[in-house]
Every structure is written in structure tokens, then in C-alpha cells.
Amino acid sequence: MNYNDLTRNYFESAANAGELEGPGVFRGAAGNRDQGTWVQFDLRIHDGAVSEASFLAFACPHTIAVAAWLAEQAVGGRLQPMLPESVQALRDRFAVPVEKMGRLLVIEDAWLAAVLPAIDYREGTHIVK
């Protein structure tokens, strides 16, 4: 498979791969390893902004590259219940083939699984169990 330079660079470096621990960390995951795509995002939130972000992924190079890019782009940004770019814009940016579009939706689901609880917590709508 051919990969554009951006995809290749983020796949090969993936400097922000790993897990975060400690206070202010929100984790979200989506997908299924048995089906070939699983993504997890860890976001450290401070004063309503992402101060640190990392990811783990069991996936193809396109998926890993997009997850790495998202974790990098998130740092310093305010919490929002959406990706920083649309799935279509990410598909175009990383030259993801149309048959892999579902993998980008897994990324979006994992992203929202991390972000939405952080927003709820910040707004005081969390439930203590």
C-alpha cells in the first residue's frame, strides 16, 4: 500500500504513543483487536484544556498515523465534543483509502469516549460511583 509522506512520518515516529496515569487523565477506547482496529486516547485535562495526550492503537499505519496526529494536535486545545477536523478532512489529509473509512470512525469513537467524560466532569455532571 502507498502512504503519503504525512502518514509515513506520523506512523514511523508516533512519539506520543503510550498511556497516561494520574490525576486529570481521561481515557477512551473504541474498536476491537479481533476485528483489526482498536484505538485508545488518554487526555490529561487542566483548566478545561488538554495539557497532555497520548494514544495506543492496534491498527494499520493510516490509523496509527491519524491517532498520533490527533494526540499531538490536542495539546493546548480546549475540550470540544468533536475531532479537531472532520473525518473527511482527516481522510484527505492522510490519503486514507475509502475502504478504510470505518477505521477513522473508530478513531472518532475513541476520541469522543475520552473527551465526553472530561467535559461532563468539568461541567459538574459527573456521577460518583
C-alpha atoms as a PDB file:
ATOM      1  CA  MET A   1       0.000   0.000   0.000  1.00  0.00           C
ATOM      2  CA  ASN A   2       1.187   3.519  -0.738  1.00  0.00           C
ATOM      3  CA  TYR A   3       1.275   6.041   2.084  1.00  0.00           C
ATOM      4  CA  ASN A   4       1.701   9.786   1.726  1.00  0.00           C
ATOM      5  CA  ASP A   5       4.616  11.487   3.486  1.00  0.00           C
ATOM      6  CA  LEU A   6       2.481  12.734   6.379  1.00  0.00           C
ATOM      7  CA  THR A   7       1.133   9.241   7.084  1.00  0.00           C
ATOM      8  CA  ARG A   8       4.579   7.714   6.862  1.00  0.00           C
ATOM      9  CA  ASN A   9       6.108  10.345   9.182  1.00  0.00           C
ATOM     10  CA  TYR A  10       3.464  10.037  11.900  1.00  0.00           C
ATOM     11  CA  PHE A  11       3.400   6.236  11.680  1.00  0.00           C
ATOM     12  CA  GLU A  12       7.181   5.982  11.973  1.00  0.00           C
ATOM     13  CA  SER A  13       7.594   8.499  14.803  1.00  0.00           C
ATOM     14  CA  ALA A  14       4.421   8.052  16.930  1.00  0.00           C
ATOM     15  CA  ALA A  15       6.238   9.951  19.681  1.00  0.00           C
ATOM     16  CA  ASN A  16       3.088  10.292  21.783  1.00  0.00           C
ATOM     17  CA  ALA A  17       2.258   6.575  21.939  1.00  0.00           C
ATOM     18  CA  GLY A  18       1.632   5.217  25.418  1.00  0.00           C
ATOM     19  CA  GLU A  19      -0.624   5.649  28.402  1.00  0.00           C
ATOM     20  CA  LEU A  20      -1.019   8.498  30.860  1.00  0.00           C
ATOM     21  CA  GLU A  21      -1.677   7.951  34.545  1.00  0.00           C
ATOM     22  CA  GLY A  22      -2.596  10.127  37.473  1.00  0.00           C
ATOM     23  CA  PRO A  23      -4.953  12.989  38.225  1.00  0.00           C
ATOM     24  CA  GLY A  24      -6.856  14.678  35.467  1.00  0.00           C
ATOM     25  CA  VAL A  25      -6.499  11.800  32.980  1.00  0.00           C
ATOM     26  CA  PHE A  26      -9.483  10.701  30.944  1.00  0.00           C
ATOM     27  CA  ARG A  27      -9.295   7.558  28.822  1.00  0.00           C
ATOM     28  CA  GLY A  28     -11.464   6.420  25.961  1.00  0.00           C
ATOM     29  CA  ALA A  29     -11.192   3.453  23.619  1.00  0.00           C
ATOM     30  CA  ALA A  30     -13.091   2.002  20.697  1.00  0.00           C
ATOM     31  CA  GLY A  31     -12.823  -0.826  18.235  1.00  0.00           C
ATOM     32  CA  ASN A  32     -11.862  -4.432  18.624  1.00  0.00           C
ATOM     33  CA  ARG A  33      -8.463  -6.058  18.225  1.00  0.00           C
ATOM     34  CA  ASP A  34     -10.078  -9.228  16.881  1.00  0.00           C
ATOM     35  CA  GLN A  35     -11.566  -7.152  14.060  1.00  0.00           C
ATOM     36  CA  GLY A  36      -8.222  -5.462  13.348  1.00  0.00           C
ATOM     37  CA  THR A  37      -8.710  -1.946  14.697  1.00  0.00           C
ATOM     38  CA  TRP A  38      -8.587  -0.755  18.304  1.00  0.00           C
ATOM     39  CA  VAL A  39      -7.660   2.774  19.445  1.00  0.00           C
ATOM     40  CA  GLN A  40      -7.308   4.344  22.888  1.00  0.00           C
ATOM     41  CA  PHE A  41      -6.738   8.007  23.756  1.00  0.00           C
ATOM     42  CA  ASP A  42      -5.556   9.298  27.134  1.00  0.00           C
ATOM     43  CA  LEU A  43      -6.050  13.008  27.752  1.00  0.00           C
ATOM     44  CA  ARG A  44      -4.763  14.951  30.747  1.00  0.00           C
ATOM     45  CA  ILE A  45      -7.100  17.875  31.331  1.00  0.00           C
ATOM     46  CA  HIS A  46      -6.174  21.013  33.221  1.00  0.00           C
ATOM     47  CA  ASP A  47      -8.407  24.111  33.383  1.00  0.00           C
ATOM     48  CA  GLY A  48     -10.612  22.864  30.541  1.00  0.00           C
ATOM     49  CA  ALA A  49      -7.720  22.294  28.122  1.00  0.00           C
ATOM     50  CA  VAL A  50      -5.690  19.290  27.072  1.00  0.00           C
ATOM     51  CA  SER A  51      -2.278  19.571  28.721  1.00  0.00           C
ATOM     52  CA  GLU A  52      -1.037  16.152  27.594  1.00  0.00           C
ATOM     53  CA  ALA A  53      -2.312  13.489  25.197  1.00  0.00           C
ATOM     54  CA  SER A  54      -1.253  10.005  24.201  1.00  0.00           C
ATOM     55  CA  PHE A  55      -2.664   7.059  22.311  1.00  0.00           C
ATOM     56  CA  LEU A  56      -2.393   3.318  21.888  1.00  0.00           C
ATOM     57  CA  ALA A  57      -3.535   1.525  18.761  1.00  0.00           C
ATOM     58  CA  PHE A  58      -3.721  -1.910  17.259  1.00  0.00           C
ATOM     59  CA  ALA A  59      -4.308  -0.907  13.684  1.00  0.00           C
ATOM     60  CA  CYS A  60      -2.980  -0.201  10.216  1.00  0.00           C
ATOM     61  CA  PRO A  61      -0.384   2.543   9.544  1.00  0.00           C
ATOM     62  CA  HIS A  62      -3.093   5.014   8.440  1.00  0.00           C
ATOM     63  CA  THR A  63      -4.969   4.602  11.715  1.00  0.00           C
ATOM     64  CA  ILE A  64      -1.829   4.864  13.838  1.00  0.00           C
ATOM     65  CA  ALA A  65      -0.711   7.983  11.946  1.00  0.00           C
ATOM     66  CA  VAL A  66      -4.069   9.736  12.380  1.00  0.00           C
ATOM     67  CA  ALA A  67      -4.208   8.830  16.097  1.00  0.00           C
ATOM     68  CA  ALA A  68      -0.668  10.153  16.610  1.00  0.00           C
ATOM     69  CA  TRP A  69      -1.521  13.380  14.784  1.00  0.00           C
ATOM     70  CA  LEU A  70      -4.702  13.864  16.837  1.00  0.00           C
ATOM     71  CA  ALA A  71      -2.863  13.356  20.129  1.00  0.00           C
ATOM     72  CA  GLU A  72      -0.250  15.891  19.047  1.00  0.00           C
ATOM     73  CA  GLN A  73      -2.806  18.445  17.850  1.00  0.00           C
ATOM     74  CA  ALA A  74      -4.888  18.142  21.022  1.00  0.00           C
ATOM     75  CA  VAL A  75      -2.246  19.543  23.372  1.00  0.00           C
ATOM     76  CA  GLY A  76      -3.091  23.114  24.280  1.00  0.00           C
ATOM     77  CA  GLY A  77      -6.583  22.904  22.817  1.00  0.00           C
ATOM     78  CA  ARG A  78      -9.852  23.418  24.637  1.00  0.00           C
ATOM     79  CA  LEU A  79     -12.145  20.459  25.226  1.00  0.00           C
ATOM     80  CA  GLN A  80     -14.722  20.099  22.480  1.00  0.00           C
ATOM     81  CA  PRO A  81     -17.111  17.205  21.794  1.00  0.00           C
ATOM     82  CA  MET A  82     -15.694  16.638  18.308  1.00  0.00           C
ATOM     83  CA  LEU A  83     -12.497  15.890  16.445  1.00  0.00           C
ATOM     84  CA  PRO A  84     -10.309  18.899  15.591  1.00  0.00           C
ATOM     85  CA  GLU A  85     -11.068  18.118  11.920  1.00  0.00           C
ATOM     86  CA  SER A  86     -13.861  16.180  10.265  1.00  0.00           C
ATOM     87  CA  VAL A  87     -13.373  12.524   9.396  1.00  0.00           C
ATOM     88  CA  GLN A  88     -13.428  13.506   5.708  1.00  0.00           C
ATOM     89  CA  ALA A  89     -10.728  16.147   6.246  1.00  0.00           C
ATOM     90  CA  LEU A  90      -8.574  13.567   8.067  1.00  0.00           C
ATOM     91  CA  ARG A  91      -9.162  11.088   5.254  1.00  0.00           C
ATOM     92  CA  ASP A  92      -7.961  13.686   2.747  1.00  0.00           C
ATOM     93  CA  ARG A  93      -5.016  14.871   4.865  1.00  0.00           C
ATOM     94  CA  PHE A  94      -3.674  11.333   5.365  1.00  0.00           C
ATOM     95  CA  ALA A  95      -4.774   9.929   1.974  1.00  0.00           C
ATOM     96  CA  VAL A  96      -6.759   7.163   3.650  1.00  0.00           C
ATOM     97  CA  PRO A  97      -8.387   4.864   1.083  1.00  0.00           C
ATOM     98  CA  VAL A  98     -12.180   4.861   1.122  1.00  0.00           C
ATOM     99  CA  GLU A  99     -12.238   1.199   2.194  1.00  0.00           C
ATOM    100  CA  LYS A 100     -10.546   2.250   5.462  1.00  0.00           C
ATOM    101  CA  MET A 101     -13.065   4.995   6.280  1.00  0.00           C
ATOM    102  CA  GLY A 102     -14.546   2.835   9.041  1.00  0.00           C
ATOM    103  CA  ARG A 103     -11.220   2.911  10.853  1.00  0.00           C
ATOM    104  CA  LEU A 104     -11.403   6.687  11.034  1.00  0.00           C
ATOM    105  CA  LEU A 105     -14.814   6.315  12.658  1.00  0.00           C
ATOM    106  CA  VAL A 106     -13.227   4.055  15.285  1.00  0.00           C
ATOM    107  CA  ILE A 107     -10.728   6.864  15.950  1.00  0.00           C
ATOM    108  CA  GLU A 108     -13.596   9.324  16.301  1.00  0.00           C
ATOM    109  CA  ASP A 109     -15.414   6.995  18.726  1.00  0.00           C
ATOM    110  CA  ALA A 110     -12.272   6.565  20.854  1.00  0.00           C
ATOM    111  CA  TRP A 111     -11.682  10.318  20.851  1.00  0.00           C
ATOM    112  CA  LEU A 112     -15.230  11.056  21.995  1.00  0.00           C
ATOM    113  CA  ALA A 113     -15.020   8.289  24.623  1.00  0.00           C
ATOM    114  CA  ALA A 114     -12.123  10.233  26.199  1.00  0.00           C
ATOM    115  CA  VAL A 115     -13.411  13.771  25.671  1.00  0.00           C
ATOM    116  CA  LEU A 116     -17.075  13.489  26.661  1.00  0.00           C
ATOM    117  CA  PRO A 117     -16.468  12.304  30.267  1.00  0.00           C
ATOM    118  CA  ALA A 118     -13.903  15.104  30.688  1.00  0.00           C
ATOM    119  CA  ILE A 119     -16.472  17.659  29.536  1.00  0.00           C
ATOM    120  CA  ASP A 120     -19.111  16.174  31.835  1.00  0.00           C
ATOM    121  CA  TYR A 121     -16.667  16.266  34.747  1.00  0.00           C
ATOM    122  CA  ARG A 122     -15.695  19.879  34.033  1.00  0.00           C
ATOM    123  CA  GLU A 123     -19.368  20.879  33.875  1.00  0.00           C
ATOM    124  CA  GLY A 124     -20.155  19.096  37.138  1.00  0.00           C
ATOM    125  CA  THR A 125     -22.470  16.493  35.638  1.00  0.00           C
ATOM    126  CA  HIS A 126     -20.336  13.515  36.632  1.00  0.00           C
ATOM    127  CA  ILE A 127     -21.673  10.744  38.777  1.00  0.00           C
ATOM    128  CA  VAL A 128     -19.543   9.473  41.633  1.00  0.00           C
ATOM    129  CA  LYS A 129     -19.694   5.690  41.939  1.00  0.00           C
END
